[in-house]
Amino acid sequence: MNVKFFPIILMALDVLASIVYFCNGDIKKGLYWFFAFGLTYTVPF
C-alpha cells in the first residue's frame, strides 16, 4: 500500500474546493485552497 494515499486525497479535496470557490466568484478563498494544494504537494513529495 502506498504511504502517500492520504496526501493525494487531501490534494484532490483542496483542488475541488478551489474550483468550487472560483466558480462561485470568491477569488480569495479559491486562491487559498489552490495554495493549500501547493503546500500539501511540496511537503510529502
Protein backbone atom coordinates (compact mmCIF):
# COMPACT_ATOMS: atom_id res chain seq x y z
CA MET A 1 0.00 0.00 0.00
CA ASN A 2 1.23 3.45 -0.86
CA VAL A 3 2.05 5.57 2.18
CA LYS A 4 1.15 8.78 0.33
CA PHE A 5 -2.52 7.86 -0.02
CA PHE A 6 -3.76 10.47 2.47
CA PRO A 7 -1.90 13.43 0.91
CA ILE A 8 -3.30 12.53 -2.51
CA ILE A 9 -6.85 12.55 -1.11
CA LEU A 10 -6.17 15.85 0.64
CA MET A 11 -4.77 17.42 -2.54
CA ALA A 12 -7.83 16.31 -4.51
CA LEU A 13 -10.11 17.90 -1.92
CA ASP A 14 -8.05 21.11 -2.00
CA VAL A 15 -8.33 21.34 -5.77
CA LEU A 16 -12.06 20.60 -5.72
CA ALA A 17 -12.66 23.24 -3.05
CA SER A 18 -10.65 25.71 -5.09
CA ILE A 19 -12.74 25.03 -8.18
CA VAL A 20 -15.99 25.46 -6.26
CA TYR A 21 -14.91 28.82 -4.83
CA PHE A 22 -13.64 30.06 -8.20
CA CYS A 23 -16.93 29.09 -9.85
CA ASN A 24 -18.86 30.98 -7.17
CA GLY A 25 -16.73 34.08 -7.73
CA ASP A 26 -14.84 34.03 -4.42
CA ILE A 27 -11.30 34.58 -5.67
CA LYS A 28 -9.66 34.90 -2.24
CA LYS A 29 -10.95 31.56 -0.94
CA GLY A 30 -10.24 29.94 -4.31
CA LEU A 31 -6.63 31.07 -4.14
CA TYR A 32 -6.43 29.97 -0.50
CA TRP A 33 -7.38 26.41 -1.38
CA PHE A 34 -5.21 26.41 -4.50
CA PHE A 35 -2.17 27.40 -2.46
CA ALA A 36 -3.15 24.84 0.20
CA PHE A 37 -2.87 22.28 -2.59
CA GLY A 38 0.59 23.61 -3.42
CA LEU A 39 1.75 23.33 0.17
CA THR A 40 0.31 19.87 0.52
CA TYR A 41 2.13 18.84 -2.66
CA THR A 42 5.52 20.21 -1.60
CA VAL A 43 5.66 18.70 1.89
CA PRO A 44 5.23 14.93 1.23
CA PHE A 45 6.59 14.80 -2.34
